[in-house]
Amino acid sequence: MTRRDTYVCGIDAAIDVVGGKWKVLILWALDEGPLRFGELRRGIPGVTEKVLTTHLRELENDGIVSRDEAFEGAVRRVAYTLTPLGVSLNEALAPLGDWGRKHLLGAHHEPGEVSPR
């Protein structure tokens, strides 16, 4: 949930939207295309169902993620996808990811690979 009336600068506003351990990972996962809840949960090891649900709702309320429902017969299918605003946010986060790979993970780290501690 954002606190739009108290931002000090643009970075403060952006960090409010992506703050927390899981939101950036959710955005990064959705960069590949629409995903269902279970696919997101399996793709982000360690995130709980409750936290994922909460973060998806917050990202949806902020206009970053879209929750799309479709029916196949009587079965409801829900998928999450990035909105154009979410795509632009991921584009803004890409240089930060590059910086982290270069300076914190080392040269031998592959995208999607979890680094050892």
PDB file of N, CA and C in Angstrom:
ATOM      1  N   MET A   1       0.841  -1.172   0.000  1.00  0.00           N
ATOM      2  CA  MET A   1       0.000   0.000   0.000  1.00  0.00           C
ATOM      3  C   MET A   1       0.889   1.239   0.000  1.00  0.00           C
ATOM      4  N   THR A   2       0.610   2.161  -0.874  1.00  0.00           N
ATOM      5  CA  THR A   2       1.463   3.331  -0.996  1.00  0.00           C
ATOM      6  C   THR A   2       1.019   4.446  -0.059  1.00  0.00           C
ATOM      7  N   ARG A   3       1.922   5.349   0.182  1.00  0.00           N
ATOM      8  CA  ARG A   3       1.672   6.507   1.047  1.00  0.00           C
ATOM      9  C   ARG A   3       1.920   7.772   0.234  1.00  0.00           C
ATOM     10  N   ARG A   4       1.200   7.913  -0.844  1.00  0.00           N
ATOM     11  CA  ARG A   4       1.435   8.932  -1.869  1.00  0.00           C
ATOM     12  C   ARG A   4       1.609  10.359  -1.347  1.00  0.00           C
ATOM     13  N   ASP A   5       0.977  10.710  -0.268  1.00  0.00           N
ATOM     14  CA  ASP A   5       1.017  12.097   0.194  1.00  0.00           C
ATOM     15  C   ASP A   5       2.256  12.440   1.021  1.00  0.00           C
ATOM     16  N   THR A   6       3.126  11.473   1.282  1.00  0.00           N
ATOM     17  CA  THR A   6       4.284  11.747   2.140  1.00  0.00           C
ATOM     18  C   THR A   6       5.629  11.483   1.466  1.00  0.00           C
ATOM     19  N   TYR A   7       5.660  11.321   0.148  1.00  0.00           N
ATOM     20  CA  TYR A   7       6.918  11.038  -0.535  1.00  0.00           C
ATOM     21  C   TYR A   7       7.843  12.242  -0.508  1.00  0.00           C
ATOM     22  N   VAL A   8       9.119  11.961  -0.353  1.00  0.00           N
ATOM     23  CA  VAL A   8      10.140  12.998  -0.354  1.00  0.00           C
ATOM     24  C   VAL A   8      10.702  13.195  -1.760  1.00  0.00           C
ATOM     25  N   CYS A   9      10.803  12.092  -2.524  1.00  0.00           N
ATOM     26  CA  CYS A   9      11.350  12.157  -3.876  1.00  0.00           C
ATOM     27  C   CYS A   9      10.844  10.962  -4.682  1.00  0.00           C
ATOM     28  N   GLY A  10      11.222  10.919  -5.948  1.00  0.00           N
ATOM     29  CA  GLY A  10      10.791   9.835  -6.826  1.00  0.00           C
ATOM     30  C   GLY A  10      11.295   8.470  -6.395  1.00  0.00           C
ATOM     31  N   ILE A  11      12.517   8.403  -5.905  1.00  0.00           N
ATOM     32  CA  ILE A  11      13.057   7.119  -5.439  1.00  0.00           C
ATOM     33  C   ILE A  11      12.263   6.628  -4.238  1.00  0.00           C
ATOM     34  N   ASP A  12      11.914   7.513  -3.345  1.00  0.00           N
ATOM     35  CA  ASP A  12      11.093   7.175  -2.183  1.00  0.00           C
ATOM     36  C   ASP A  12       9.763   6.569  -2.638  1.00  0.00           C
ATOM     37  N   ALA A  13       9.142   7.180  -3.646  1.00  0.00           N
ATOM     38  CA  ALA A  13       7.868   6.679  -4.166  1.00  0.00           C
ATOM     39  C   ALA A  13       8.037   5.302  -4.803  1.00  0.00           C
ATOM     40  N   ALA A  14       9.073   5.131  -5.611  1.00  0.00           N
ATOM     41  CA  ALA A  14       9.300   3.847  -6.283  1.00  0.00           C
ATOM     42  C   ALA A  14       9.596   2.741  -5.282  1.00  0.00           C
ATOM     43  N   ILE A  15      10.411   3.031  -4.279  1.00  0.00           N
ATOM     44  CA  ILE A  15      10.747   2.030  -3.261  1.00  0.00           C
ATOM     45  C   ILE A  15       9.507   1.628  -2.479  1.00  0.00           C
ATOM     46  N   ASP A  16       8.592   2.563  -2.270  1.00  0.00           N
ATOM     47  CA  ASP A  16       7.348   2.234  -1.575  1.00  0.00           C
ATOM     48  C   ASP A  16       6.546   1.197  -2.355  1.00  0.00           C
ATOM     49  N   VAL A  17       6.561   1.292  -3.679  1.00  0.00           N
ATOM     50  CA  VAL A  17       5.811   0.353  -4.517  1.00  0.00           C
ATOM     51  C   VAL A  17       6.473  -1.018  -4.533  1.00  0.00           C
ATOM     52  N   VAL A  18       7.800  -1.082  -4.581  1.00  0.00           N
ATOM     53  CA  VAL A  18       8.491  -2.369  -4.715  1.00  0.00           C
ATOM     54  C   VAL A  18       9.121  -2.845  -3.419  1.00  0.00           C
ATOM     55  N   GLY A  19       8.896  -2.118  -2.334  1.00  0.00           N
ATOM     56  CA  GLY A  19       9.524  -2.457  -1.062  1.00  0.00           C
ATOM     57  C   GLY A  19       9.133  -3.829  -0.556  1.00  0.00           C
ATOM     58  N   GLY A  20      10.012  -4.413   0.218  1.00  0.00           N
ATOM     59  CA  GLY A  20       9.784  -5.744   0.762  1.00  0.00           C
ATOM     60  C   GLY A  20      10.622  -6.771   0.036  1.00  0.00           C
ATOM     61  N   LYS A  21      10.666  -7.945   0.604  1.00  0.00           N
ATOM     62  CA  LYS A  21      11.528  -9.007   0.086  1.00  0.00           C
ATOM     63  C   LYS A  21      11.018  -9.610  -1.219  1.00  0.00           C
ATOM     64  N   TRP A  22       9.711  -9.625  -1.429  1.00  0.00           N
ATOM     65  CA  TRP A  22       9.150 -10.443  -2.499  1.00  0.00           C
ATOM     66  C   TRP A  22       8.658  -9.687  -3.721  1.00  0.00           C
ATOM     67  N   LYS A  23       8.334  -8.415  -3.608  1.00  0.00           N
ATOM     68  CA  LYS A  23       7.694  -7.720  -4.729  1.00  0.00           C
ATOM     69  C   LYS A  23       8.560  -7.670  -5.979  1.00  0.00           C
ATOM     70  N   VAL A  24       9.837  -7.389  -5.821  1.00  0.00           N
ATOM     71  CA  VAL A  24      10.709  -7.337  -6.997  1.00  0.00           C
ATOM     72  C   VAL A  24      10.797  -8.716  -7.644  1.00  0.00           C
ATOM     73  N   LEU A  25      10.824  -9.769  -6.832  1.00  0.00           N
ATOM     74  CA  LEU A  25      10.869 -11.125  -7.392  1.00  0.00           C
ATOM     75  C   LEU A  25       9.577 -11.465  -8.124  1.00  0.00           C
ATOM     76  N   ILE A  26       8.452 -10.988  -7.628  1.00  0.00           N
ATOM     77  CA  ILE A  26       7.169 -11.174  -8.315  1.00  0.00           C
ATOM     78  C   ILE A  26       7.211 -10.465  -9.665  1.00  0.00           C
ATOM     79  N   LEU A  27       7.671  -9.219  -9.665  1.00  0.00           N
ATOM     80  CA  LEU A  27       7.758  -8.461 -10.914  1.00  0.00           C
ATOM     81  C   LEU A  27       8.685  -9.141 -11.913  1.00  0.00           C
ATOM     82  N   TRP A  28       9.809  -9.618 -11.424  1.00  0.00           N
ATOM     83  CA  TRP A  28      10.785 -10.268 -12.302  1.00  0.00           C
ATOM     84  C   TRP A  28      10.194 -11.543 -12.904  1.00  0.00           C
ATOM     85  N   ALA A  29       9.467 -12.311 -12.091  1.00  0.00           N
ATOM     86  CA  ALA A  29       8.832 -13.539 -12.591  1.00  0.00           C
ATOM     87  C   ALA A  29       7.796 -13.211 -13.661  1.00  0.00           C
ATOM     88  N   LEU A  30       7.014 -12.167 -13.446  1.00  0.00           N
ATOM     89  CA  LEU A  30       5.972 -11.799 -14.401  1.00  0.00           C
ATOM     90  C   LEU A  30       6.538 -11.171 -15.670  1.00  0.00           C
ATOM     91  N   ASP A  31       7.811 -10.824 -15.662  1.00  0.00           N
ATOM     92  CA  ASP A  31       8.442 -10.273 -16.853  1.00  0.00           C
ATOM     93  C   ASP A  31       8.456 -11.290 -17.993  1.00  0.00           C
ATOM     94  N   GLU A  32       8.392 -12.563 -17.651  1.00  0.00           N
ATOM     95  CA  GLU A  32       8.381 -13.628 -18.661  1.00  0.00           C
ATOM     96  C   GLU A  32       7.015 -13.793 -19.313  1.00  0.00           C
ATOM     97  N   GLY A  33       5.973 -13.220 -18.701  1.00  0.00           N
ATOM     98  CA  GLY A  33       4.622 -13.334 -19.238  1.00  0.00           C
ATOM     99  C   GLY A  33       3.639 -13.690 -18.136  1.00  0.00           C
ATOM    100  N   PRO A  34       2.360 -13.820 -18.491  1.00  0.00           N
ATOM    101  CA  PRO A  34       1.327 -14.108 -17.489  1.00  0.00           C
ATOM    102  C   PRO A  34       1.595 -15.418 -16.755  1.00  0.00           C
ATOM    103  N   LEU A  35       1.320 -15.404 -15.454  1.00  0.00           N
ATOM    104  CA  LEU A  35       1.487 -16.599 -14.629  1.00  0.00           C
ATOM    105  C   LEU A  35       0.295 -16.750 -13.698  1.00  0.00           C
ATOM    106  N   ARG A  36      -0.058 -17.984 -13.439  1.00  0.00           N
ATOM    107  CA  ARG A  36      -1.094 -18.274 -12.459  1.00  0.00           C
ATOM    108  C   ARG A  36      -0.462 -18.246 -11.069  1.00  0.00           C
ATOM    109  N   PHE A  37      -1.314 -18.169 -10.042  1.00  0.00           N
ATOM    110  CA  PHE A  37      -0.846 -18.041  -8.669  1.00  0.00           C
ATOM    111  C   PHE A  37       0.126 -19.166  -8.305  1.00  0.00           C
ATOM    112  N   GLY A  38      -0.246 -20.399  -8.604  1.00  0.00           N
ATOM    113  CA  GLY A  38       0.607 -21.540  -8.268  1.00  0.00           C
ATOM    114  C   GLY A  38       1.944 -21.499  -8.979  1.00  0.00           C
ATOM    115  N   GLU A  39       1.939 -21.041 -10.220  1.00  0.00           N
ATOM    116  CA  GLU A  39       3.191 -20.917 -10.964  1.00  0.00           C
ATOM    117  C   GLU A  39       4.097 -19.869 -10.320  1.00  0.00           C
ATOM    118  N   LEU A  40       3.495 -18.759  -9.907  1.00  0.00           N
ATOM    119  CA  LEU A  40       4.275 -17.728  -9.213  1.00  0.00           C
ATOM    120  C   LEU A  40       4.852 -18.271  -7.920  1.00  0.00           C
ATOM    121  N   ARG A  41       4.024 -18.961  -7.161  1.00  0.00           N
ATOM    122  CA  ARG A  41       4.475 -19.472  -5.858  1.00  0.00           C
ATOM    123  C   ARG A  41       5.626 -20.470  -6.022  1.00  0.00           C
ATOM    124  N   ARG A  42       5.515 -21.350  -7.000  1.00  0.00           N
ATOM    125  CA  ARG A  42       6.597 -22.319  -7.248  1.00  0.00           C
ATOM    126  C   ARG A  42       7.861 -21.631  -7.768  1.00  0.00           C
ATOM    127  N   GLY A  43       7.689 -20.538  -8.489  1.00  0.00           N
ATOM    128  CA  GLY A  43       8.828 -19.836  -9.071  1.00  0.00           C
ATOM    129  C   GLY A  43       9.567 -18.925  -8.112  1.00  0.00           C
ATOM    130  N   ILE A  44       8.975 -18.707  -6.930  1.00  0.00           N
ATOM    131  CA  ILE A  44       9.598 -17.833  -5.933  1.00  0.00           C
ATOM    132  C   ILE A  44       9.750 -18.637  -4.647  1.00  0.00           C
ATOM    133  N   PRO A  45      10.818 -19.413  -4.529  1.00  0.00           N
ATOM    134  CA  PRO A  45      10.998 -20.268  -3.355  1.00  0.00           C
ATOM    135  C   PRO A  45      10.993 -19.469  -2.054  1.00  0.00           C
ATOM    136  N   GLY A  46      10.238 -19.960  -1.087  1.00  0.00           N
ATOM    137  CA  GLY A  46      10.208 -19.351   0.235  1.00  0.00           C
ATOM    138  C   GLY A  46       9.050 -18.411   0.489  1.00  0.00           C
ATOM    139  N   VAL A  47       8.385 -17.932  -0.554  1.00  0.00           N
ATOM    140  CA  VAL A  47       7.259 -17.024  -0.341  1.00  0.00           C
ATOM    141  C   VAL A  47       6.048 -17.831   0.125  1.00  0.00           C
ATOM    142  N   THR A  48       5.345 -17.318   1.125  1.00  0.00           N
ATOM    143  CA  THR A  48       4.148 -18.006   1.609  1.00  0.00           C
ATOM    144  C   THR A  48       2.947 -17.585   0.770  1.00  0.00           C
ATOM    145  N   GLU A  49       1.920 -18.401   0.823  1.00  0.00           N
ATOM    146  CA  GLU A  49       0.692 -18.107   0.084  1.00  0.00           C
ATOM    147  C   GLU A  49       0.097 -16.774   0.544  1.00  0.00           C
ATOM    148  N   LYS A  50       0.091 -16.550   1.845  1.00  0.00           N
ATOM    149  CA  LYS A  50      -0.480 -15.319   2.400  1.00  0.00           C
ATOM    150  C   LYS A  50       0.281 -14.082   1.924  1.00  0.00           C
ATOM    151  N   VAL A  51       1.599 -14.138   1.993  1.00  0.00           N
ATOM    152  CA  VAL A  51       2.415 -12.991   1.582  1.00  0.00           C
ATOM    153  C   VAL A  51       2.278 -12.748   0.083  1.00  0.00           C
ATOM    154  N   LEU A  52       2.289 -13.809  -0.707  1.00  0.00           N
ATOM    155  CA  LEU A  52       2.139 -13.658  -2.153  1.00  0.00           C
ATOM    156  C   LEU A  52       0.792 -13.025  -2.480  1.00  0.00           C
ATOM    157  N   THR A  53      -0.260 -13.487  -1.834  1.00  0.00           N
ATOM    158  CA  THR A  53      -1.595 -12.916  -2.045  1.00  0.00           C
ATOM    159  C   THR A  53      -1.610 -11.435  -1.696  1.00  0.00           C
ATOM    160  N   THR A  54      -1.046 -11.092  -0.550  1.00  0.00           N
ATOM    161  CA  THR A  54      -1.017  -9.695  -0.106  1.00  0.00           C
ATOM    162  C   THR A  54      -0.241  -8.825  -1.083  1.00  0.00           C
ATOM    163  N   HIS A  55       0.936  -9.277  -1.493  1.00  0.00           N
ATOM    164  CA  HIS A  55       1.759  -8.481  -2.407  1.00  0.00           C
ATOM    165  C   HIS A  55       1.110  -8.342  -3.777  1.00  0.00           C
ATOM    166  N   LEU A  56       0.483  -9.400  -4.270  1.00  0.00           N
ATOM    167  CA  LEU A  56      -0.203  -9.300  -5.562  1.00  0.00           C
ATOM    168  C   LEU A  56      -1.337  -8.283  -5.491  1.00  0.00           C
ATOM    169  N   ARG A  57      -2.084  -8.285  -4.404  1.00  0.00           N
ATOM    170  CA  ARG A  57      -3.170  -7.294  -4.243  1.00  0.00           C
ATOM    171  C   ARG A  57      -2.614  -5.875  -4.195  1.00  0.00           C
ATOM    172  N   GLU A  58      -1.522  -5.688  -3.464  1.00  0.00           N
ATOM    173  CA  GLU A  58      -0.918  -4.355  -3.378  1.00  0.00           C
ATOM    174  C   GLU A  58      -0.413  -3.899  -4.744  1.00  0.00           C
ATOM    175  N   LEU A  59       0.250  -4.788  -5.462  1.00  0.00           N
ATOM    176  CA  LEU A  59       0.747  -4.440  -6.793  1.00  0.00           C
ATOM    177  C   LEU A  59      -0.407  -4.164  -7.757  1.00  0.00           C
ATOM    178  N   GLU A  60      -1.496  -4.897  -7.603  1.00  0.00           N
ATOM    179  CA  GLU A  60      -2.684  -4.650  -8.422  1.00  0.00           C
ATOM    180  C   GLU A  60      -3.283  -3.282  -8.080  1.00  0.00           C
ATOM    181  N   ASN A  61      -3.396  -2.978  -6.794  1.00  0.00           N
ATOM    182  CA  ASN A  61      -3.939  -1.674  -6.374  1.00  0.00           C
ATOM    183  C   ASN A  61      -3.073  -0.512  -6.841  1.00  0.00           C
ATOM    184  N   ASP A  62      -1.771  -0.743  -6.966  1.00  0.00           N
ATOM    185  CA  ASP A  62      -0.851   0.294  -7.436  1.00  0.00           C
ATOM    186  C   ASP A  62      -0.795   0.380  -8.962  1.00  0.00           C
ATOM    187  N   GLY A  63      -1.536  -0.482  -9.657  1.00  0.00           N
ATOM    188  CA  GLY A  63      -1.568  -0.446 -11.115  1.00  0.00           C
ATOM    189  C   GLY A  63      -0.372  -1.089 -11.780  1.00  0.00           C
ATOM    190  N   ILE A  64       0.369  -1.912 -11.041  1.00  0.00           N
ATOM    191  CA  ILE A  64       1.588  -2.540 -11.559  1.00  0.00           C
ATOM    192  C   ILE A  64       1.287  -3.913 -12.157  1.00  0.00           C
ATOM    193  N   VAL A  65       0.348  -4.616 -11.547  1.00  0.00           N
ATOM    194  CA  VAL A  65      -0.018  -5.977 -11.950  1.00  0.00           C
ATOM    195  C   VAL A  65      -1.509  -6.011 -12.249  1.00  0.00           C
ATOM    196  N   SER A  66      -1.868  -6.799 -13.234  1.00  0.00           N
ATOM    197  CA  SER A  66      -3.269  -7.005 -13.584  1.00  0.00           C
ATOM    198  C   SER A  66      -3.661  -8.441 -13.250  1.00  0.00           C
ATOM    199  N   ARG A  67      -4.829  -8.591 -12.652  1.00  0.00           N
ATOM    200  CA  ARG A  67      -5.377  -9.920 -12.337  1.00  0.00           C
ATOM    201  C   ARG A  67      -6.452 -10.199 -13.373  1.00  0.00           C
ATOM    202  N   ASP A  68      -6.202 -11.177 -14.222  1.00  0.00           N
ATOM    203  CA  ASP A  68      -7.101 -11.473 -15.330  1.00  0.00           C
ATOM    204  C   ASP A  68      -7.801 -12.802 -15.100  1.00  0.00           C
ATOM    205  N   GLU A  69      -9.134 -12.789 -15.184  1.00  0.00           N
ATOM    206  CA  GLU A  69      -9.926 -14.005 -15.007  1.00  0.00           C
ATOM    207  C   GLU A  69     -10.474 -14.451 -16.352  1.00  0.00           C
ATOM    208  N   ALA A  70     -10.437 -15.753 -16.577  1.00  0.00           N
ATOM    209  CA  ALA A  70     -11.027 -16.349 -17.770  1.00  0.00           C
ATOM    210  C   ALA A  70     -11.726 -17.633 -17.344  1.00  0.00           C
ATOM    211  N   PHE A  71     -12.767 -17.974 -18.053  1.00  0.00           N
ATOM    212  CA  PHE A  71     -13.502 -19.197 -17.736  1.00  0.00           C
ATOM    213  C   PHE A  71     -13.326 -20.196 -18.863  1.00  0.00           C
ATOM    214  N   GLU A  72     -12.970 -21.411 -18.478  1.00  0.00           N
ATOM    215  CA  GLU A  72     -12.907 -22.539 -19.408  1.00  0.00           C
ATOM    216  C   GLU A  72     -14.006 -23.482 -18.970  1.00  0.00           C
ATOM    217  N   GLY A  73     -15.174 -23.326 -19.577  1.00  0.00           N
ATOM    218  CA  GLY A  73     -16.337 -24.058 -19.091  1.00  0.00           C
ATOM    219  C   GLY A  73     -16.739 -23.483 -17.750  1.00  0.00           C
ATOM    220  N   ALA A  74     -16.820 -24.333 -16.752  1.00  0.00           N
ATOM    221  CA  ALA A  74     -17.181 -23.881 -15.405  1.00  0.00           C
ATOM    222  C   ALA A  74     -15.951 -23.571 -14.557  1.00  0.00           C
ATOM    223  N   VAL A  75     -14.767 -23.767 -15.118  1.00  0.00           N
ATOM    224  CA  VAL A  75     -13.525 -23.575 -14.363  1.00  0.00           C
ATOM    225  C   VAL A  75     -13.012 -22.145 -14.559  1.00  0.00           C
ATOM    226  N   ARG A  76     -12.781 -21.465 -13.443  1.00  0.00           N
ATOM    227  CA  ARG A  76     -12.239 -20.110 -13.491  1.00  0.00           C
ATOM    228  C   ARG A  76     -10.715 -20.185 -13.460  1.00  0.00           C
ATOM    229  N   ARG A  77     -10.090 -19.505 -14.384  1.00  0.00           N
ATOM    230  CA  ARG A  77      -8.630 -19.429 -14.451  1.00  0.00           C
ATOM    231  C   ARG A  77      -8.217 -17.986 -14.188  1.00  0.00           C
ATOM    232  N   VAL A  78      -7.349 -17.801 -13.217  1.00  0.00           N
ATOM    233  CA  VAL A  78      -6.844 -16.469 -12.888  1.00  0.00           C
ATOM    234  C   VAL A  78      -5.358 -16.433 -13.220  1.00  0.00           C
ATOM    235  N   ALA A  79      -4.963 -15.411 -13.934  1.00  0.00           N
ATOM    236  CA  ALA A  79      -3.549 -15.218 -14.258  1.00  0.00           C
ATOM    237  C   ALA A  79      -3.174 -13.779 -13.924  1.00  0.00           C
ATOM    238  N   TYR A  80      -1.927 -13.601 -13.573  1.00  0.00           N
ATOM    239  CA  TYR A  80      -1.399 -12.281 -13.256  1.00  0.00           C
ATOM    240  C   TYR A  80      -0.431 -11.877 -14.354  1.00  0.00           C
ATOM    241  N   THR A  81      -0.487 -10.617 -14.720  1.00  0.00           N
ATOM    242  CA  THR A  81       0.385 -10.102 -15.762  1.00  0.00           C
ATOM    243  C   THR A  81       0.798  -8.675 -15.412  1.00  0.00           C
ATOM    244  N   LEU A  82       1.896  -8.234 -15.981  1.00  0.00           N
ATOM    245  CA  LEU A  82       2.329  -6.857 -15.775  1.00  0.00           C
ATOM    246  C   LEU A  82       1.477  -5.917 -16.620  1.00  0.00           C
ATOM    247  N   THR A  83       1.102  -4.794 -16.050  1.00  0.00           N
ATOM    248  CA  THR A  83       0.467  -3.726 -16.810  1.00  0.00           C
ATOM    249  C   THR A  83       1.572  -2.955 -17.532  1.00  0.00           C
ATOM    250  N   PRO A  84       1.221  -2.042 -18.428  1.00  0.00           N
ATOM    251  CA  PRO A  84       2.273  -1.210 -19.030  1.00  0.00           C
ATOM    252  C   PRO A  84       3.111  -0.473 -17.974  1.00  0.00           C
ATOM    253  N   LEU A  85       2.476  -0.049 -16.893  1.00  0.00           N
ATOM    254  CA  LEU A  85       3.215   0.593 -15.802  1.00  0.00           C
ATOM    255  C   LEU A  85       4.187  -0.394 -15.155  1.00  0.00           C
ATOM    256  N   GLY A  86       3.761  -1.652 -15.004  1.00  0.00           N
ATOM    257  CA  GLY A  86       4.625  -2.691 -14.448  1.00  0.00           C
ATOM    258  C   GLY A  86       5.799  -3.003 -15.356  1.00  0.00           C
ATOM    259  N   VAL A  87       5.543  -3.028 -16.661  1.00  0.00           N
ATOM    260  CA  VAL A  87       6.626  -3.256 -17.622  1.00  0.00           C
ATOM    261  C   VAL A  87       7.651  -2.131 -17.512  1.00  0.00           C
ATOM    262  N   SER A  88       7.174  -0.889 -17.418  1.00  0.00           N
ATOM    263  CA  SER A  88       8.110   0.236 -17.310  1.00  0.00           C
ATOM    264  C   SER A  88       8.880   0.189 -15.989  1.00  0.00           C
ATOM    265  N   LEU A  89       8.244  -0.297 -14.932  1.00  0.00           N
ATOM    266  CA  LEU A  89       8.940  -0.444 -13.650  1.00  0.00           C
ATOM    267  C   LEU A  89      10.035  -1.501 -13.759  1.00  0.00           C
ATOM    268  N   ASN A  90       9.741  -2.628 -14.406  1.00  0.00           N
ATOM    269  CA  ASN A  90      10.770  -3.655 -14.596  1.00  0.00           C
ATOM    270  C   ASN A  90      11.934  -3.122 -15.426  1.00  0.00           C
ATOM    271  N   GLU A  91      11.618  -2.305 -16.423  1.00  0.00           N
ATOM    272  CA  GLU A  91      12.687  -1.704 -17.232  1.00  0.00           C
ATOM    273  C   GLU A  91      13.572  -0.805 -16.370  1.00  0.00           C
ATOM    274  N   ALA A  92      12.952  -0.101 -15.429  1.00  0.00           N
ATOM    275  CA  ALA A  92      13.722   0.761 -14.526  1.00  0.00           C
ATOM    276  C   ALA A  92      14.548  -0.055 -13.536  1.00  0.00           C
ATOM    277  N   LEU A  93      14.052  -1.241 -13.155  1.00  0.00           N
ATOM    278  CA  LEU A  93      14.765  -2.092 -12.199  1.00  0.00           C
ATOM    279  C   LEU A  93      15.907  -2.879 -12.839  1.00  0.00           C
ATOM    280  N   ALA A  94      15.878  -3.053 -14.161  1.00  0.00           N
ATOM    281  CA  ALA A  94      16.900  -3.856 -14.848  1.00  0.00           C
ATOM    282  C   ALA A  94      18.324  -3.368 -14.559  1.00  0.00           C
ATOM    283  N   PRO A  95      18.615  -2.064 -14.620  1.00  0.00           N
ATOM    284  CA  PRO A  95      19.982  -1.623 -14.289  1.00  0.00           C
ATOM    285  C   PRO A  95      20.370  -1.933 -12.843  1.00  0.00           C
ATOM    286  N   LEU A  96      19.417  -1.905 -11.939  1.00  0.00           N
ATOM    287  CA  LEU A  96      19.701  -2.259 -10.550  1.00  0.00           C
ATOM    288  C   LEU A  96      20.084  -3.735 -10.457  1.00  0.00           C
ATOM    289  N   GLY A  97      19.382  -4.585 -11.208  1.00  0.00           N
ATOM    290  CA  GLY A  97      19.733  -6.002 -11.257  1.00  0.00           C
ATOM    291  C   GLY A  97      21.117  -6.222 -11.846  1.00  0.00           C
ATOM    292  N   ASP A  98      21.432  -5.468 -12.895  1.00  0.00           N
ATOM    293  CA  ASP A  98      22.771  -5.563 -13.497  1.00  0.00           C
ATOM    294  C   ASP A  98      23.844  -5.173 -12.484  1.00  0.00           C
ATOM    295  N   TRP A  99      23.598  -4.108 -11.736  1.00  0.00           N
ATOM    296  CA  TRP A  99      24.543  -3.657 -10.716  1.00  0.00           C
ATOM    297  C   TRP A  99      24.745  -4.737  -9.657  1.00  0.00           C
ATOM    298  N   GLY A 100      23.660  -5.347  -9.202  1.00  0.00           N
ATOM    299  CA  GLY A 100      23.760  -6.400  -8.192  1.00  0.00           C
ATOM    300  C   GLY A 100      24.542  -7.603  -8.680  1.00  0.00           C
ATOM    301  N   ARG A 101      24.278  -8.014  -9.942  1.00  0.00           N
ATOM    302  CA  ARG A 101      25.036  -9.139 -10.510  1.00  0.00           C
ATOM    303  C   ARG A 101      26.523  -8.804 -10.597  1.00  0.00           C
ATOM    304  N   LYS A 102      26.829  -7.593 -11.039  1.00  0.00           N
ATOM    305  CA  LYS A 102      28.226  -7.203 -11.238  1.00  0.00           C
ATOM    306  C   LYS A 102      28.978  -7.038  -9.920  1.00  0.00           C
ATOM    307  N   HIS A 103      28.360  -6.396  -8.950  1.00  0.00           N
ATOM    308  CA  HIS A 103      29.083  -6.015  -7.737  1.00  0.00           C
ATOM    309  C   HIS A 103      28.853  -6.927  -6.536  1.00  0.00           C
ATOM    310  N   LEU A 104      27.766  -7.654  -6.520  1.00  0.00           N
ATOM    311  CA  LEU A 104      27.454  -8.456  -5.336  1.00  0.00           C
ATOM    312  C   LEU A 104      27.446  -9.957  -5.579  1.00  0.00           C
ATOM    313  N   LEU A 105      27.086 -10.377  -6.783  1.00  0.00           N
ATOM    314  CA  LEU A 105      26.981 -11.812  -7.043  1.00  0.00           C
ATOM    315  C   LEU A 105      28.211 -12.394  -7.708  1.00  0.00           C
ATOM    316  N   GLY A 106      29.002 -11.586  -8.331  1.00  0.00           N
ATOM    317  CA  GLY A 106      30.193 -12.089  -8.999  1.00  0.00           C
ATOM    318  C   GLY A 106      29.913 -12.439 -10.445  1.00  0.00           C
ATOM    319  N   ALA A 107      30.968 -12.618 -11.182  1.00  0.00           N
ATOM    320  CA  ALA A 107      30.870 -12.830 -12.622  1.00  0.00           C
ATOM    321  C   ALA A 107      30.303 -14.186 -12.996  1.00  0.00           C
ATOM    322  N   HIS A 108      30.335 -15.167 -12.106  1.00  0.00           N
ATOM    323  CA  HIS A 108      29.927 -16.526 -12.459  1.00  0.00           C
ATOM    324  C   HIS A 108      28.460 -16.800 -12.186  1.00  0.00           C
ATOM    325  N   HIS A 109      27.728 -15.788 -11.818  1.00  0.00           N
ATOM    326  CA  HIS A 109      26.318 -15.972 -11.488  1.00  0.00           C
ATOM    327  C   HIS A 109      25.468 -15.870 -12.750  1.00  0.00           C
ATOM    328  N   GLU A 110      24.612 -16.856 -12.970  1.00  0.00           N
ATOM    329  CA  GLU A 110      23.707 -16.862 -14.112  1.00  0.00           C
ATOM    330  C   GLU A 110      22.350 -16.316 -13.693  1.00  0.00           C
ATOM    331  N   PRO A 111      21.622 -15.634 -14.596  1.00  0.00           N
ATOM    332  CA  PRO A 111      20.281 -15.161 -14.262  1.00  0.00           C
ATOM    333  C   PRO A 111      19.399 -16.324 -13.808  1.00  0.00           C
ATOM    334  N   GLY A 112      18.656 -16.113 -12.754  1.00  0.00           N
ATOM    335  CA  GLY A 112      17.773 -17.145 -12.224  1.00  0.00           C
ATOM    336  C   GLY A 112      18.439 -18.083 -11.241  1.00  0.00           C
ATOM    337  N   GLU A 113      19.752 -18.028 -11.147  1.00  0.00           N
ATOM    338  CA  GLU A 113      20.500 -18.899 -10.237  1.00  0.00           C
ATOM    339  C   GLU A 113      20.593 -18.235  -8.865  1.00  0.00           C
ATOM    340  N   VAL A 114      20.309 -18.983  -7.832  1.00  0.00           N
ATOM    341  CA  VAL A 114      20.396 -18.458  -6.475  1.00  0.00           C
ATOM    342  C   VAL A 114      21.848 -18.492  -6.042  1.00  0.00           C
ATOM    343  N   SER A 115      22.338 -17.358  -5.547  1.00  0.00           N
ATOM    344  CA  SER A 115      23.747 -17.303  -5.164  1.00  0.00           C
ATOM    345  C   SER A 115      23.958 -17.905  -3.782  1.00  0.00           C
ATOM    346  N   PRO A 116      25.094 -18.557  -3.569  1.00  0.00           N
ATOM    347  CA  PRO A 116      25.404 -19.086  -2.241  1.00  0.00           C
ATOM    348  C   PRO A 116      25.719 -17.945  -1.291  1.00  0.00           C
ATOM    349  N   ARG A 117      25.467 -18.165  -0.026  1.00  0.00           N
ATOM    350  CA  ARG A 117      25.749 -17.116   0.970  1.00  0.00           C
ATOM    351  C   ARG A 117      27.109 -17.293   1.562  1.00  0.00           C
TER     352      ARG A 117
END
